[in-house]
Amino acid sequence: MTKVAVIGIGRMGKGIIWEAVSEGLDVVAAVDSPNNPLSGKDAGIVSGVEELGVKVSSAQDLEGILDKAKPDVVIDFTNAEACFRNFKSVCSKGINLVVGTTGFTDVQLEEMKKEANRSGVGAVISPNMSVGVNVFWEIVKEATPLLEGYDIEIIEKHHRFKKDSPSGTALKTAEVIADARGQNLSDMAIFGRKGVSERKPEEIGIHAVRSGDIVGDHTVLYGTLGERIEITHIAHSRTAFIKGVIKAIKYIKGKKGVYGMNDVLGL
């Protein structure tokens, strides 16, 4: 049985614990920030499943928790700064990882990949674990060269509690488009618009909406004079992401190297 530890017992973390138990995985540790209201409570109870005998513990003692629990895979859904610290600790213990946290800088992400390879561990790192979103990226990659000369805009919508903006999924979508065009995203990306300025032909517009309880909508709009094409992925619930996390856990156990969800899904 695969033993897993979950770091970040928020909405996603609780859902991952619930699904992991349903899939027959062994949840051996649950970790969150110091002074979290859930500290000391049973991870199974707070996640809506049966009592697991695993208490929510403080990330201050992460390495000690990992030494005691000995998980096969650690799953991190926290924030970029916390995950960057956690990643190094987990790698130092030789434990594989699944990272769905977003908001990393390019420097942080590159350092994490180097750390995984230096430590000889396996890691799945993806801004979106949904099967549908990863197929969405494949469709966008295929469509972009076919729509040469079209204006491209990305619109993403999330709930009011999301902290990073634009979403990791929107940024990854923009990277897919830039790569398909043979461009450098940093030269082409425009984040929202204000003032008086005509749109440049090869801009990639990226726009964020934060409202209510939207789980996650992403649209790529290809427009030209006389017509437009829109490719959209809509997440109805976090189940779409959680199912992908479980696939990633099963995929990365026993592997070395850094992978994305396209590897997990064989895309």
Protein backbone atom coordinates (compact mmCIF):
# COMPACT_ATOMS: atom_id res chain seq x y z
CA MET A 1 0.00 0.00 0.00
CA THR A 2 1.34 3.43 -0.96
CA LYS A 3 1.93 5.66 2.08
CA VAL A 4 1.24 9.35 1.54
CA ALA A 5 1.73 12.56 3.50
CA VAL A 6 -0.33 15.66 2.69
CA ILE A 7 1.03 19.15 3.32
CA GLY A 8 -1.63 21.85 3.27
CA ILE A 9 -4.94 20.82 4.85
CA GLY A 10 -7.12 23.37 3.07
CA ARG A 11 -9.92 22.66 0.61
CA MET A 12 -7.64 20.71 -1.73
CA GLY A 13 -5.75 18.92 1.04
CA LYS A 14 -8.93 17.68 2.68
CA GLY A 15 -10.26 16.50 -0.66
CA ILE A 16 -7.00 14.67 -1.39
CA ILE A 17 -7.15 12.87 1.96
CA TRP A 18 -10.76 11.87 1.33
CA GLU A 19 -9.97 10.53 -2.15
CA ALA A 20 -6.73 8.85 -1.05
CA VAL A 21 -8.59 6.87 1.59
CA SER A 22 -11.28 5.96 -0.94
CA GLU A 23 -8.57 4.73 -3.33
CA GLY A 24 -6.96 2.55 -0.68
CA LEU A 25 -3.89 4.70 -0.10
CA ASP A 26 -2.45 4.93 3.41
CA VAL A 27 -2.47 8.51 4.73
CA VAL A 28 0.36 8.53 7.28
CA ALA A 29 0.84 12.26 7.89
CA ALA A 30 -1.04 15.54 7.55
CA VAL A 31 0.83 18.81 7.91
CA ASP A 32 -0.18 22.46 7.94
CA SER A 33 1.15 25.83 9.04
CA PRO A 34 1.99 26.48 12.71
CA ASN A 35 -0.94 27.63 14.87
CA ASN A 36 -3.46 26.30 12.36
CA PRO A 37 -6.90 25.79 14.00
CA LEU A 38 -6.87 22.18 12.78
CA SER A 39 -3.64 21.33 14.62
CA GLY A 40 -4.06 18.25 16.80
CA LYS A 41 -7.31 17.18 15.14
CA ASP A 42 -7.65 13.87 13.31
CA ALA A 43 -6.94 14.34 9.60
CA GLY A 44 -9.60 11.83 8.64
CA ILE A 45 -12.33 13.48 10.67
CA VAL A 46 -11.61 16.99 9.35
CA SER A 47 -11.58 15.58 5.80
CA GLY A 48 -14.96 13.89 6.12
CA VAL A 49 -13.79 10.29 6.28
CA GLU A 50 -13.35 7.92 9.20
CA GLU A 51 -10.87 8.53 12.00
CA LEU A 52 -7.38 7.74 10.73
CA GLY A 53 -5.36 8.12 13.89
CA VAL A 54 -3.26 10.74 12.10
CA LYS A 55 -3.21 14.17 13.71
CA VAL A 56 -2.74 17.41 11.76
CA SER A 57 0.79 18.50 12.70
CA SER A 58 2.84 21.67 12.37
CA ALA A 59 5.19 22.16 9.42
CA GLN A 60 7.78 23.46 11.89
CA ASP A 61 8.64 19.81 12.59
CA LEU A 62 8.30 18.60 8.99
CA GLU A 63 11.54 16.63 8.87
CA GLY A 64 10.76 14.89 12.17
CA ILE A 65 7.26 14.05 10.93
CA LEU A 66 8.67 12.55 7.74
CA ASP A 67 11.24 10.50 9.71
CA LYS A 68 8.47 9.03 11.82
CA ALA A 69 5.78 8.52 9.15
CA LYS A 70 8.10 7.35 6.32
CA PRO A 71 5.73 8.18 3.43
CA ASP A 72 6.38 6.98 -0.12
CA VAL A 73 5.02 10.23 -1.58
CA VAL A 74 4.45 13.72 -0.18
CA ILE A 75 1.71 15.88 -1.70
CA ASP A 76 2.06 19.67 -1.31
CA PHE A 77 -0.81 22.12 -1.85
CA THR A 78 0.30 25.12 0.20
CA ASN A 79 1.69 28.40 -1.14
CA ALA A 80 4.80 29.11 -3.16
CA GLU A 81 7.05 30.26 -0.30
CA ALA A 82 6.05 27.43 2.03
CA CYS A 83 6.25 24.80 -0.69
CA PHE A 84 9.70 25.99 -1.77
CA ARG A 85 10.95 25.39 1.80
CA ASN A 86 9.06 22.11 2.17
CA PHE A 87 10.40 20.80 -1.14
CA LYS A 88 14.01 20.94 0.02
CA SER A 89 13.17 19.20 3.31
CA VAL A 90 11.30 16.41 1.55
CA CYS A 91 14.08 15.93 -0.99
CA SER A 92 16.65 15.72 1.81
CA LYS A 93 14.74 12.69 3.11
CA GLY A 94 14.76 10.98 -0.30
CA ILE A 95 10.96 11.04 -0.58
CA ASN A 96 9.07 11.53 -3.85
CA LEU A 97 6.67 14.42 -4.32
CA VAL A 98 3.53 15.60 -6.07
CA VAL A 99 3.36 19.41 -6.16
CA GLY A 100 0.20 21.24 -7.18
CA THR A 101 1.10 24.53 -5.50
CA THR A 102 1.20 27.54 -7.84
CA GLY A 103 2.74 31.01 -7.81
CA PHE A 104 6.42 30.02 -8.02
CA THR A 105 8.91 32.35 -9.63
CA ASP A 106 10.92 30.95 -12.52
CA VAL A 107 13.97 30.89 -10.25
CA GLN A 108 12.16 28.92 -7.54
CA LEU A 109 10.80 26.41 -10.02
CA GLU A 110 14.18 25.84 -11.62
CA GLU A 111 15.84 25.39 -8.23
CA MET A 112 13.20 22.84 -7.20
CA LYS A 113 13.82 20.81 -10.33
CA LYS A 114 17.57 20.90 -9.71
CA GLU A 115 17.04 19.88 -6.07
CA ALA A 116 14.93 16.88 -7.07
CA ASN A 117 17.56 15.71 -9.54
CA ARG A 118 20.41 16.30 -7.07
CA SER A 119 18.59 14.31 -4.41
CA GLY A 120 17.66 11.46 -6.74
CA VAL A 121 13.93 11.70 -6.00
CA GLY A 122 10.93 11.72 -8.30
CA ALA A 123 8.56 14.68 -8.53
CA VAL A 124 5.42 15.53 -10.47
CA ILE A 125 5.17 19.32 -10.61
CA SER A 126 2.16 20.83 -12.37
CA PRO A 127 0.08 23.99 -11.94
CA ASN A 128 -3.01 21.93 -12.71
CA MET A 129 -3.58 18.22 -12.08
CA SER A 130 -6.90 18.00 -13.94
CA VAL A 131 -7.03 15.53 -16.84
CA GLY A 132 -9.26 17.96 -18.73
CA VAL A 133 -6.90 20.92 -18.33
CA ASN A 134 -3.96 18.90 -19.58
CA VAL A 135 -5.97 17.87 -22.65
CA PHE A 136 -6.96 21.57 -22.98
CA TRP A 137 -3.25 22.46 -23.18
CA GLU A 138 -2.72 19.85 -25.90
CA ILE A 139 -5.62 21.30 -27.92
CA VAL A 140 -4.25 24.83 -27.52
CA LYS A 141 -0.80 23.65 -28.63
CA GLU A 142 -2.29 22.16 -31.79
CA ALA A 143 -4.64 25.06 -32.52
CA THR A 144 -2.20 27.95 -32.12
CA PRO A 145 -0.05 27.35 -35.24
CA LEU A 146 -3.21 26.82 -37.30
CA LEU A 147 -4.52 30.26 -36.31
CA GLU A 148 -1.51 32.31 -37.32
CA GLY A 149 -2.19 36.03 -37.16
CA TYR A 150 -5.15 35.73 -34.79
CA ASP A 151 -5.21 37.86 -31.63
CA ILE A 152 -4.89 35.65 -28.54
CA GLU A 153 -6.35 36.48 -25.14
CA ILE A 154 -6.48 34.27 -22.04
CA ILE A 155 -9.23 34.85 -19.47
CA GLU A 156 -9.17 32.98 -16.17
CA LYS A 157 -11.76 33.07 -13.37
CA HIS A 158 -11.39 31.82 -9.80
CA HIS A 159 -12.98 32.17 -6.36
CA ARG A 160 -12.47 35.24 -4.22
CA PHE A 161 -10.04 33.41 -1.89
CA LYS A 162 -7.37 32.61 -4.49
CA LYS A 163 -4.21 34.52 -3.64
CA ASP A 164 -1.97 34.24 -6.72
CA SER A 165 -2.91 36.03 -9.91
CA PRO A 166 -2.93 35.20 -12.74
CA SER A 167 -3.43 31.51 -12.04
CA GLY A 168 -0.67 29.00 -12.63
CA THR A 169 -2.91 27.37 -15.21
CA ALA A 170 -3.27 30.64 -17.14
CA LEU A 171 0.49 31.18 -17.11
CA LYS A 172 1.11 27.64 -18.28
CA THR A 173 -1.45 28.18 -21.05
CA ALA A 174 0.40 31.32 -22.13
CA GLU A 175 3.69 29.39 -22.15
CA VAL A 176 2.13 26.69 -24.35
CA ILE A 177 0.98 29.38 -26.80
CA ALA A 178 4.33 31.20 -26.82
CA ASP A 179 6.21 27.93 -27.37
CA ALA A 180 3.88 27.00 -30.23
CA ARG A 181 4.65 30.39 -31.82
CA GLY A 182 8.38 30.11 -31.19
CA GLN A 183 8.26 33.14 -28.91
CA ASN A 184 9.51 34.09 -25.46
CA LEU A 185 6.48 34.63 -23.21
CA SER A 186 8.14 37.45 -21.26
CA ASP A 187 8.34 39.45 -24.49
CA MET A 188 4.70 38.88 -25.47
CA ALA A 189 2.64 38.75 -22.24
CA ILE A 190 0.33 41.64 -21.34
CA PHE A 191 -1.36 41.35 -17.93
CA GLY A 192 -4.63 43.25 -18.19
CA ARG A 193 -4.91 46.60 -19.94
CA LYS A 194 -5.28 50.22 -18.90
CA GLY A 195 -4.89 53.48 -20.74
CA VAL A 196 -4.77 54.34 -24.41
CA SER A 197 -2.70 51.92 -26.45
CA GLU A 198 -3.40 49.91 -29.56
CA ARG A 199 -3.04 46.15 -29.29
CA LYS A 200 0.22 44.81 -30.74
CA PRO A 201 -0.24 41.97 -33.24
CA GLU A 202 1.52 39.20 -31.30
CA GLU A 203 0.59 40.10 -27.74
CA ILE A 204 -0.72 37.36 -25.48
CA GLY A 205 -3.25 39.00 -23.19
CA ILE A 206 -3.76 37.42 -19.75
CA HIS A 207 -6.69 38.54 -17.60
CA ALA A 208 -7.78 37.41 -14.11
CA VAL A 209 -11.24 37.48 -12.51
CA ARG A 210 -11.80 36.80 -8.80
CA SER A 211 -15.40 36.33 -7.71
CA GLY A 212 -17.54 34.24 -5.38
CA ASP A 213 -16.89 30.52 -5.38
CA ILE A 214 -15.76 29.93 -8.98
CA VAL A 215 -13.67 26.76 -8.91
CA GLY A 216 -11.70 27.52 -12.08
CA ASP A 217 -12.54 28.63 -15.63
CA HIS A 218 -9.93 29.12 -18.35
CA THR A 219 -10.62 30.38 -21.88
CA VAL A 220 -8.26 31.01 -24.79
CA LEU A 221 -9.84 33.41 -27.27
CA TYR A 222 -8.47 33.50 -30.82
CA GLY A 223 -9.89 36.51 -32.64
CA THR A 224 -9.55 38.07 -36.07
CA LEU A 225 -11.66 40.37 -38.23
CA GLY A 226 -14.92 38.57 -38.92
CA GLU A 227 -14.68 35.62 -36.48
CA ARG A 228 -13.35 34.21 -33.24
CA ILE A 229 -12.71 30.80 -31.75
CA GLU A 230 -12.84 30.12 -28.00
CA ILE A 231 -11.39 27.06 -26.27
CA THR A 232 -12.62 26.74 -22.69
CA HIS A 233 -12.11 24.44 -19.74
CA ILE A 234 -14.51 24.76 -16.79
CA ALA A 235 -13.93 22.95 -13.50
CA HIS A 236 -17.25 22.17 -11.83
CA SER A 237 -15.61 21.00 -8.60
CA ARG A 238 -12.19 20.26 -7.12
CA THR A 239 -12.81 16.57 -7.80
CA ALA A 240 -11.31 17.08 -11.28
CA PHE A 241 -8.00 18.17 -9.75
CA ILE A 242 -8.04 15.61 -6.96
CA LYS A 243 -8.53 12.68 -9.35
CA GLY A 244 -5.44 13.84 -11.20
CA VAL A 245 -3.45 14.05 -7.95
CA ILE A 246 -4.23 10.41 -7.20
CA LYS A 247 -3.02 9.44 -10.69
CA ALA A 248 0.18 11.43 -10.07
CA ILE A 249 0.78 9.69 -6.72
CA LYS A 250 0.49 6.27 -8.32
CA TYR A 251 2.69 7.32 -11.23
CA ILE A 252 5.58 8.82 -9.26
CA LYS A 253 6.00 6.10 -6.64
CA GLY A 254 9.43 4.53 -7.17
CA LYS A 255 10.45 6.88 -10.00
CA LYS A 256 13.30 9.39 -10.23
CA GLY A 257 13.34 12.68 -12.12
CA VAL A 258 10.94 15.55 -12.67
CA TYR A 259 7.70 15.03 -14.58
CA GLY A 260 4.56 16.91 -15.55
CA MET A 261 0.97 15.74 -15.80
CA ASN A 262 1.46 15.16 -19.52
CA ASP A 263 3.83 12.35 -18.51
CA VAL A 264 1.37 10.99 -15.96
CA LEU A 265 -1.43 10.95 -18.55
CA GLY A 266 0.71 9.80 -21.47
CA LEU A 267 -0.11 12.85 -23.59
